[in-house]
Amino acid sequence: MSDSNIRQVFAIARRRFLRRLEQGPATFTEAIRGLELPEGKDGRLFGAMVAELHRDGIIRPVGYVPSSNRCCHSRLWKLVDNTKGGDDA
């Protein structure tokens, strides 16, 4: 998968996550379920993006839920300020 395709996957994942959070708290994994990830990559690839949304005050953690994915914990996130989220990521 090329760099531009990886950037496209990140943009799609970010939009899906923010849209899902408009409905209420959710995990990132839940929001991107069904999204094809770059070959050889898993959900940990998106950790920096989720951390950036948190750092920028767009989302905040509100707990944890059980996870079936051994490589990732399932932090529950809540949308705080979607005006800064945008679709330009």
PDB file of N, CA and C in Angstrom:
ATOM      1  N   MET A   1       0.854  -1.172   0.000  1.00  0.00           N
ATOM      2  CA  MET A   1       0.000   0.000   0.000  1.00  0.00           C
ATOM      3  C   MET A   1       0.900   1.235   0.000  1.00  0.00           C
ATOM      4  N   SER A   2       0.624   2.158  -0.888  1.00  0.00           N
ATOM      5  CA  SER A   2       1.456   3.354  -1.019  1.00  0.00           C
ATOM      6  C   SER A   2       1.188   4.331   0.125  1.00  0.00           C
ATOM      7  N   ASP A   3       2.095   5.310   0.259  1.00  0.00           N
ATOM      8  CA  ASP A   3       1.933   6.329   1.294  1.00  0.00           C
ATOM      9  C   ASP A   3       0.632   7.096   1.133  1.00  0.00           C
ATOM     10  N   SER A   4       0.257   7.395  -0.101  1.00  0.00           N
ATOM     11  CA  SER A   4      -0.992   8.143  -0.310  1.00  0.00           C
ATOM     12  C   SER A   4      -2.198   7.300   0.088  1.00  0.00           C
ATOM     13  N   ASN A   5      -2.131   5.986  -0.157  1.00  0.00           N
ATOM     14  CA  ASN A   5      -3.217   5.110   0.268  1.00  0.00           C
ATOM     15  C   ASN A   5      -3.294   5.014   1.781  1.00  0.00           C
ATOM     16  N   ILE A   6      -2.157   4.985   2.445  1.00  0.00           N
ATOM     17  CA  ILE A   6      -2.135   4.945   3.908  1.00  0.00           C
ATOM     18  C   ILE A   6      -2.741   6.226   4.461  1.00  0.00           C
ATOM     19  N   ARG A   7      -2.393   7.375   3.871  1.00  0.00           N
ATOM     20  CA  ARG A   7      -2.975   8.650   4.312  1.00  0.00           C
ATOM     21  C   ARG A   7      -4.487   8.645   4.109  1.00  0.00           C
ATOM     22  N   GLN A   8      -4.934   8.054   3.021  1.00  0.00           N
ATOM     23  CA  GLN A   8      -6.366   7.977   2.750  1.00  0.00           C
ATOM     24  C   GLN A   8      -7.060   7.113   3.807  1.00  0.00           C
ATOM     25  N   VAL A   9      -6.458   5.999   4.178  1.00  0.00           N
ATOM     26  CA  VAL A   9      -7.025   5.132   5.213  1.00  0.00           C
ATOM     27  C   VAL A   9      -7.105   5.896   6.535  1.00  0.00           C
ATOM     28  N   PHE A  10      -6.059   6.675   6.860  1.00  0.00           N
ATOM     29  CA  PHE A  10      -6.085   7.478   8.087  1.00  0.00           C
ATOM     30  C   PHE A  10      -7.223   8.497   8.049  1.00  0.00           C
ATOM     31  N   ALA A  11      -7.412   9.160   6.918  1.00  0.00           N
ATOM     32  CA  ALA A  11      -8.475  10.166   6.793  1.00  0.00           C
ATOM     33  C   ALA A  11      -9.847   9.521   6.947  1.00  0.00           C
ATOM     34  N   ILE A  12     -10.030   8.375   6.338  1.00  0.00           N
ATOM     35  CA  ILE A  12     -11.300   7.664   6.447  1.00  0.00           C
ATOM     36  C   ILE A  12     -11.542   7.244   7.896  1.00  0.00           C
ATOM     37  N   ALA A  13     -10.511   6.701   8.533  1.00  0.00           N
ATOM     38  CA  ALA A  13     -10.640   6.251   9.919  1.00  0.00           C
ATOM     39  C   ALA A  13     -10.987   7.421  10.843  1.00  0.00           C
ATOM     40  N   ARG A  14     -10.347   8.545  10.646  1.00  0.00           N
ATOM     41  CA  ARG A  14     -10.616   9.721  11.479  1.00  0.00           C
ATOM     42  C   ARG A  14     -12.066  10.170  11.303  1.00  0.00           C
ATOM     43  N   ARG A  15     -12.525  10.262  10.066  1.00  0.00           N
ATOM     44  CA  ARG A  15     -13.914  10.675   9.812  1.00  0.00           C
ATOM     45  C   ARG A  15     -14.909   9.696  10.425  1.00  0.00           C
ATOM     46  N   ARG A  16     -14.657   8.396  10.240  1.00  0.00           N
ATOM     47  CA  ARG A  16     -15.555   7.382  10.814  1.00  0.00           C
ATOM     48  C   ARG A  16     -15.611   7.506  12.330  1.00  0.00           C
ATOM     49  N   PHE A  17     -14.462   7.694  12.950  1.00  0.00           N
ATOM     50  CA  PHE A  17     -14.391   7.794  14.406  1.00  0.00           C
ATOM     51  C   PHE A  17     -15.183   9.006  14.895  1.00  0.00           C
ATOM     52  N   LEU A  18     -14.940  10.166  14.288  1.00  0.00           N
ATOM     53  CA  LEU A  18     -15.640  11.378  14.720  1.00  0.00           C
ATOM     54  C   LEU A  18     -17.140  11.277  14.468  1.00  0.00           C
ATOM     55  N   ARG A  19     -17.527  10.702  13.339  1.00  0.00           N
ATOM     56  CA  ARG A  19     -18.960  10.524  13.061  1.00  0.00           C
ATOM     57  C   ARG A  19     -19.601   9.582  14.065  1.00  0.00           C
ATOM     58  N   ARG A  20     -18.906   8.493  14.379  1.00  0.00           N
ATOM     59  CA  ARG A  20     -19.451   7.528  15.349  1.00  0.00           C
ATOM     60  C   ARG A  20     -19.611   8.182  16.711  1.00  0.00           C
ATOM     61  N   LEU A  21     -18.645   9.014  17.110  1.00  0.00           N
ATOM     62  CA  LEU A  21     -18.713   9.674  18.412  1.00  0.00           C
ATOM     63  C   LEU A  21     -19.861  10.673  18.499  1.00  0.00           C
ATOM     64  N   GLU A  22     -20.360  11.149  17.370  1.00  0.00           N
ATOM     65  CA  GLU A  22     -21.524  12.037  17.387  1.00  0.00           C
ATOM     66  C   GLU A  22     -22.755  11.318  17.926  1.00  0.00           C
ATOM     67  N   GLN A  23     -22.757   9.992  17.879  1.00  0.00           N
ATOM     68  CA  GLN A  23     -23.876   9.184  18.382  1.00  0.00           C
ATOM     69  C   GLN A  23     -23.725   8.852  19.861  1.00  0.00           C
ATOM     70  N   GLY A  24     -22.562   9.108  20.435  1.00  0.00           N
ATOM     71  CA  GLY A  24     -22.290   8.791  21.831  1.00  0.00           C
ATOM     72  C   GLY A  24     -20.934   8.131  21.973  1.00  0.00           C
ATOM     73  N   PRO A  25     -20.529   7.852  23.216  1.00  0.00           N
ATOM     74  CA  PRO A  25     -19.212   7.250  23.452  1.00  0.00           C
ATOM     75  C   PRO A  25     -19.009   5.958  22.666  1.00  0.00           C
ATOM     76  N   ALA A  26     -17.766   5.752  22.219  1.00  0.00           N
ATOM     77  CA  ALA A  26     -17.428   4.562  21.434  1.00  0.00           C
ATOM     78  C   ALA A  26     -15.931   4.307  21.526  1.00  0.00           C
ATOM     79  N   THR A  27     -15.546   3.109  21.152  1.00  0.00           N
ATOM     80  CA  THR A  27     -14.127   2.796  21.030  1.00  0.00           C
ATOM     81  C   THR A  27     -13.701   3.082  19.592  1.00  0.00           C
ATOM     82  N   PHE A  28     -12.424   3.331  19.410  1.00  0.00           N
ATOM     83  CA  PHE A  28     -11.912   3.549  18.062  1.00  0.00           C
ATOM     84  C   PHE A  28     -12.086   2.285  17.228  1.00  0.00           C
ATOM     85  N   THR A  29     -11.810   1.138  17.829  1.00  0.00           N
ATOM     86  CA  THR A  29     -11.934  -0.139  17.120  1.00  0.00           C
ATOM     87  C   THR A  29     -13.346  -0.336  16.602  1.00  0.00           C
ATOM     88  N   GLU A  30     -14.324  -0.009  17.428  1.00  0.00           N
ATOM     89  CA  GLU A  30     -15.723  -0.124  17.017  1.00  0.00           C
ATOM     90  C   GLU A  30     -16.014   0.792  15.825  1.00  0.00           C
ATOM     91  N   ALA A  31     -15.476   1.989  15.863  1.00  0.00           N
ATOM     92  CA  ALA A  31     -15.753   2.983  14.824  1.00  0.00           C
ATOM     93  C   ALA A  31     -15.165   2.605  13.472  1.00  0.00           C
ATOM     94  N   ILE A  32     -14.040   1.909  13.463  1.00  0.00           N
ATOM     95  CA  ILE A  32     -13.406   1.582  12.178  1.00  0.00           C
ATOM     96  C   ILE A  32     -13.623   0.135  11.761  1.00  0.00           C
ATOM     97  N   ARG A  33     -14.472  -0.581  12.482  1.00  0.00           N
ATOM     98  CA  ARG A  33     -14.734  -1.978  12.133  1.00  0.00           C
ATOM     99  C   ARG A  33     -15.093  -2.076  10.646  1.00  0.00           C
ATOM    100  N   GLY A  34     -14.463  -2.991   9.949  1.00  0.00           N
ATOM    101  CA  GLY A  34     -14.720  -3.190   8.531  1.00  0.00           C
ATOM    102  C   GLY A  34     -13.804  -2.396   7.615  1.00  0.00           C
ATOM    103  N   LEU A  35     -13.045  -1.457   8.168  1.00  0.00           N
ATOM    104  CA  LEU A  35     -12.113  -0.679   7.357  1.00  0.00           C
ATOM    105  C   LEU A  35     -10.899  -1.536   7.038  1.00  0.00           C
ATOM    106  N   GLU A  36     -10.545  -1.616   5.764  1.00  0.00           N
ATOM    107  CA  GLU A  36      -9.384  -2.409   5.364  1.00  0.00           C
ATOM    108  C   GLU A  36      -8.116  -1.663   5.753  1.00  0.00           C
ATOM    109  N   LEU A  37      -7.291  -2.309   6.564  1.00  0.00           N
ATOM    110  CA  LEU A  37      -6.035  -1.706   7.010  1.00  0.00           C
ATOM    111  C   LEU A  37      -4.919  -2.071   6.045  1.00  0.00           C
ATOM    112  N   PRO A  38      -3.861  -1.251   6.023  1.00  0.00           N
ATOM    113  CA  PRO A  38      -2.713  -1.580   5.174  1.00  0.00           C
ATOM    114  C   PRO A  38      -2.179  -2.972   5.521  1.00  0.00           C
ATOM    115  N   GLU A  39      -1.729  -3.688   4.527  1.00  0.00           N
ATOM    116  CA  GLU A  39      -1.217  -5.042   4.728  1.00  0.00           C
ATOM    117  C   GLU A  39      -0.121  -5.063   5.782  1.00  0.00           C
ATOM    118  N   GLY A  40      -0.225  -5.992   6.719  1.00  0.00           N
ATOM    119  CA  GLY A  40       0.769  -6.141   7.763  1.00  0.00           C
ATOM    120  C   GLY A  40       0.610  -5.161   8.918  1.00  0.00           C
ATOM    121  N   LYS A  41      -0.450  -4.376   8.921  1.00  0.00           N
ATOM    122  CA  LYS A  41      -0.671  -3.381   9.982  1.00  0.00           C
ATOM    123  C   LYS A  41      -1.893  -3.777  10.801  1.00  0.00           C
ATOM    124  N   ASP A  42      -1.962  -3.270  12.037  1.00  0.00           N
ATOM    125  CA  ASP A  42      -3.149  -3.484  12.854  1.00  0.00           C
ATOM    126  C   ASP A  42      -3.568  -2.148  13.464  1.00  0.00           C
ATOM    127  N   GLY A  43      -4.557  -2.186  14.316  1.00  0.00           N
ATOM    128  CA  GLY A  43      -5.138  -0.970  14.873  1.00  0.00           C
ATOM    129  C   GLY A  43      -4.191  -0.084  15.647  1.00  0.00           C
ATOM    130  N   ARG A  44      -3.085  -0.631  16.111  1.00  0.00           N
ATOM    131  CA  ARG A  44      -2.121   0.197  16.852  1.00  0.00           C
ATOM    132  C   ARG A  44      -1.555   1.319  15.983  1.00  0.00           C
ATOM    133  N   LEU A  45      -1.644   1.138  14.684  1.00  0.00           N
ATOM    134  CA  LEU A  45      -1.165   2.134  13.730  1.00  0.00           C
ATOM    135  C   LEU A  45      -1.829   3.494  13.966  1.00  0.00           C
ATOM    136  N   PHE A  46      -3.051   3.483  14.477  1.00  0.00           N
ATOM    137  CA  PHE A  46      -3.821   4.707  14.635  1.00  0.00           C
ATOM    138  C   PHE A  46      -3.654   5.380  15.997  1.00  0.00           C
ATOM    139  N   GLY A  47      -2.852   4.813  16.871  1.00  0.00           N
ATOM    140  CA  GLY A  47      -2.710   5.348  18.224  1.00  0.00           C
ATOM    141  C   GLY A  47      -2.329   6.815  18.271  1.00  0.00           C
ATOM    142  N   ALA A  48      -1.415   7.228  17.419  1.00  0.00           N
ATOM    143  CA  ALA A  48      -0.978   8.631  17.426  1.00  0.00           C
ATOM    144  C   ALA A  48      -2.102   9.561  16.990  1.00  0.00           C
ATOM    145  N   MET A  49      -2.921   9.110  16.052  1.00  0.00           N
ATOM    146  CA  MET A  49      -4.034   9.935  15.596  1.00  0.00           C
ATOM    147  C   MET A  49      -5.054  10.130  16.718  1.00  0.00           C
ATOM    148  N   VAL A  50      -5.390   9.064  17.421  1.00  0.00           N
ATOM    149  CA  VAL A  50      -6.333   9.164  18.535  1.00  0.00           C
ATOM    150  C   VAL A  50      -5.733  10.039  19.637  1.00  0.00           C
ATOM    151  N   ALA A  51      -4.450   9.873  19.903  1.00  0.00           N
ATOM    152  CA  ALA A  51      -3.783  10.705  20.909  1.00  0.00           C
ATOM    153  C   ALA A  51      -3.819  12.182  20.512  1.00  0.00           C
ATOM    154  N   GLU A  52      -3.671  12.472  19.235  1.00  0.00           N
ATOM    155  CA  GLU A  52      -3.724  13.851  18.756  1.00  0.00           C
ATOM    156  C   GLU A  52      -5.123  14.447  18.969  1.00  0.00           C
ATOM    157  N   LEU A  53      -6.163  13.674  18.665  1.00  0.00           N
ATOM    158  CA  LEU A  53      -7.531  14.142  18.900  1.00  0.00           C
ATOM    159  C   LEU A  53      -7.751  14.449  20.381  1.00  0.00           C
ATOM    160  N   HIS A  54      -7.194  13.611  21.235  1.00  0.00           N
ATOM    161  CA  HIS A  54      -7.301  13.832  22.681  1.00  0.00           C
ATOM    162  C   HIS A  54      -6.518  15.071  23.100  1.00  0.00           C
ATOM    163  N   ARG A  55      -5.298  15.186  22.650  1.00  0.00           N
ATOM    164  CA  ARG A  55      -4.443  16.331  22.990  1.00  0.00           C
ATOM    165  C   ARG A  55      -5.080  17.652  22.556  1.00  0.00           C
ATOM    166  N   ASP A  56      -5.733  17.628  21.404  1.00  0.00           N
ATOM    167  CA  ASP A  56      -6.343  18.841  20.868  1.00  0.00           C
ATOM    168  C   ASP A  56      -7.710  19.159  21.479  1.00  0.00           C
ATOM    169  N   GLY A  57      -8.155  18.344  22.428  1.00  0.00           N
ATOM    170  CA  GLY A  57      -9.408  18.610  23.118  1.00  0.00           C
ATOM    171  C   GLY A  57     -10.651  18.267  22.312  1.00  0.00           C
ATOM    172  N   ILE A  58     -10.514  17.420  21.307  1.00  0.00           N
ATOM    173  CA  ILE A  58     -11.646  17.026  20.476  1.00  0.00           C
ATOM    174  C   ILE A  58     -12.385  15.844  21.101  1.00  0.00           C
ATOM    175  N   ILE A  59     -11.634  14.942  21.744  1.00  0.00           N
ATOM    176  CA  ILE A  59     -12.216  13.783  22.417  1.00  0.00           C
ATOM    177  C   ILE A  59     -11.644  13.685  23.823  1.00  0.00           C
ATOM    178  N   ARG A  60     -12.350  12.918  24.662  1.00  0.00           N
ATOM    179  CA  ARG A  60     -11.810  12.638  26.000  1.00  0.00           C
ATOM    180  C   ARG A  60     -12.182  11.217  26.391  1.00  0.00           C
ATOM    181  N   PRO A  61     -11.327  10.569  27.186  1.00  0.00           N
ATOM    182  CA  PRO A  61     -11.629   9.204  27.602  1.00  0.00           C
ATOM    183  C   PRO A  61     -12.729   9.209  28.670  1.00  0.00           C
ATOM    184  N   VAL A  62     -13.597   8.191  28.604  1.00  0.00           N
ATOM    185  CA  VAL A  62     -14.671   8.076  29.594  1.00  0.00           C
ATOM    186  C   VAL A  62     -14.747   6.669  30.181  1.00  0.00           C
ATOM    187  N   GLY A  63     -13.741   5.839  29.951  1.00  0.00           N
ATOM    188  CA  GLY A  63     -13.721   4.504  30.523  1.00  0.00           C
ATOM    189  C   GLY A  63     -13.129   3.475  29.584  1.00  0.00           C
ATOM    190  N   TYR A  64     -13.340   2.233  29.954  1.00  0.00           N
ATOM    191  CA  TYR A  64     -12.869   1.096  29.161  1.00  0.00           C
ATOM    192  C   TYR A  64     -14.008   0.105  29.009  1.00  0.00           C
ATOM    193  N   VAL A  65     -13.957  -0.669  27.953  1.00  0.00           N
ATOM    194  CA  VAL A  65     -14.891  -1.770  27.738  1.00  0.00           C
ATOM    195  C   VAL A  65     -14.078  -3.007  27.380  1.00  0.00           C
ATOM    196  N   PRO A  66     -14.619  -4.200  27.629  1.00  0.00           N
ATOM    197  CA  PRO A  66     -13.890  -5.422  27.288  1.00  0.00           C
ATOM    198  C   PRO A  66     -13.534  -5.451  25.795  1.00  0.00           C
ATOM    199  N   SER A  67     -12.356  -5.988  25.496  1.00  0.00           N
ATOM    200  CA  SER A  67     -11.901  -6.060  24.116  1.00  0.00           C
ATOM    201  C   SER A  67     -11.608  -7.502  23.728  1.00  0.00           C
ATOM    202  N   SER A  68     -11.993  -7.864  22.519  1.00  0.00           N
ATOM    203  CA  SER A  68     -11.638  -9.182  21.996  1.00  0.00           C
ATOM    204  C   SER A  68     -10.314  -9.121  21.246  1.00  0.00           C
ATOM    205  N   ASN A  69      -9.788  -7.914  21.058  1.00  0.00           N
ATOM    206  CA  ASN A  69      -8.537  -7.710  20.334  1.00  0.00           C
ATOM    207  C   ASN A  69      -7.386  -7.695  21.341  1.00  0.00           C
ATOM    208  N   ARG A  70      -6.543  -8.716  21.311  1.00  0.00           N
ATOM    209  CA  ARG A  70      -5.477  -8.844  22.291  1.00  0.00           C
ATOM    210  C   ARG A  70      -4.422  -7.750  22.193  1.00  0.00           C
ATOM    211  N   CYS A  71      -4.263  -7.140  21.027  1.00  0.00           N
ATOM    212  CA  CYS A  71      -3.173  -6.179  20.866  1.00  0.00           C
ATOM    213  C   CYS A  71      -3.586  -4.759  21.260  1.00  0.00           C
ATOM    214  N   CYS A  72      -4.869  -4.533  21.501  1.00  0.00           N
ATOM    215  CA  CYS A  72      -5.331  -3.176  21.783  1.00  0.00           C
ATOM    216  C   CYS A  72      -6.274  -3.188  22.978  1.00  0.00           C
ATOM    217  N   HIS A  73      -6.150  -2.184  23.814  1.00  0.00           N
ATOM    218  CA  HIS A  73      -7.150  -2.025  24.859  1.00  0.00           C
ATOM    219  C   HIS A  73      -8.339  -1.283  24.256  1.00  0.00           C
ATOM    220  N   SER A  74      -9.460  -1.332  24.900  1.00  0.00           N
ATOM    221  CA  SER A  74     -10.655  -0.699  24.347  1.00  0.00           C
ATOM    222  C   SER A  74     -11.066   0.487  25.208  1.00  0.00           C
ATOM    223  N   ARG A  75     -10.372   1.565  25.000  1.00  0.00           N
ATOM    224  CA  ARG A  75     -10.724   2.799  25.698  1.00  0.00           C
ATOM    225  C   ARG A  75     -11.984   3.366  25.069  1.00  0.00           C
ATOM    226  N   LEU A  76     -12.873   3.809  25.909  1.00  0.00           N
ATOM    227  CA  LEU A  76     -14.119   4.419  25.463  1.00  0.00           C
ATOM    228  C   LEU A  76     -13.891   5.925  25.394  1.00  0.00           C
ATOM    229  N   TRP A  77     -14.227   6.521  24.247  1.00  0.00           N
ATOM    230  CA  TRP A  77     -14.007   7.942  24.007  1.00  0.00           C
ATOM    231  C   TRP A  77     -15.327   8.677  23.858  1.00  0.00           C
ATOM    232  N   LYS A  78     -15.315   9.945  24.204  1.00  0.00           N
ATOM    233  CA  LYS A  78     -16.483  10.811  24.047  1.00  0.00           C
ATOM    234  C   LYS A  78     -16.061  12.037  23.252  1.00  0.00           C
ATOM    235  N   LEU A  79     -16.910  12.468  22.342  1.00  0.00           N
ATOM    236  CA  LEU A  79     -16.662  13.667  21.560  1.00  0.00           C
ATOM    237  C   LEU A  79     -16.883  14.882  22.451  1.00  0.00           C
ATOM    238  N   VAL A  80     -15.899  15.777  22.487  1.00  0.00           N
ATOM    239  CA  VAL A  80     -15.983  16.975  23.306  1.00  0.00           C
ATOM    240  C   VAL A  80     -16.237  18.192  22.427  1.00  0.00           C
ATOM    241  N   ASP A  81     -15.483  18.335  21.338  1.00  0.00           N
ATOM    242  CA  ASP A  81     -15.583  19.525  20.498  1.00  0.00           C
ATOM    243  C   ASP A  81     -15.353  19.151  19.044  1.00  0.00           C
ATOM    244  N   ASN A  82     -16.417  18.886  18.332  1.00  0.00           N
ATOM    245  CA  ASN A  82     -16.297  18.491  16.930  1.00  0.00           C
ATOM    246  C   ASN A  82     -15.991  19.683  16.021  1.00  0.00           C
ATOM    247  N   THR A  83     -16.105  20.907  16.518  1.00  0.00           N
ATOM    248  CA  THR A  83     -15.825  22.065  15.672  1.00  0.00           C
ATOM    249  C   THR A  83     -14.356  22.105  15.271  1.00  0.00           C
ATOM    250  N   LYS A  84     -13.495  21.459  16.066  1.00  0.00           N
ATOM    251  CA  LYS A  84     -12.071  21.415  15.753  1.00  0.00           C
ATOM    252  C   LYS A  84     -11.690  20.152  14.999  1.00  0.00           C
ATOM    253  N   GLY A  85     -12.597  19.191  14.881  1.00  0.00           N
ATOM    254  CA  GLY A  85     -12.290  17.915  14.258  1.00  0.00           C
ATOM    255  C   GLY A  85     -12.156  17.975  12.766  1.00  0.00           C
ATOM    256  N   GLY A  86     -13.123  18.567  12.115  1.00  0.00           N
ATOM    257  CA  GLY A  86     -13.099  18.721  10.671  1.00  0.00           C
ATOM    258  C   GLY A  86     -12.996  17.432   9.922  1.00  0.00           C
ATOM    259  N   ASP A  87     -13.065  17.500   8.622  1.00  0.00           N
ATOM    260  CA  ASP A  87     -12.913  16.337   7.738  1.00  0.00           C
ATOM    261  C   ASP A  87     -11.641  16.436   6.921  1.00  0.00           C
ATOM    262  N   ASP A  88     -10.738  17.321   7.317  1.00  0.00           N
ATOM    263  CA  ASP A  88      -9.558  17.579   6.502  1.00  0.00           C
ATOM    264  C   ASP A  88      -8.369  16.725   6.867  1.00  0.00           C
ATOM    265  N   ALA A  89      -8.516  15.811   7.776  1.00  0.00           N
ATOM    266  CA  ALA A  89      -7.360  15.015   8.213  1.00  0.00           C
ATOM    267  C   ALA A  89      -6.957  14.016   7.173  1.00  0.00           C
TER     268      ALA A  89
END
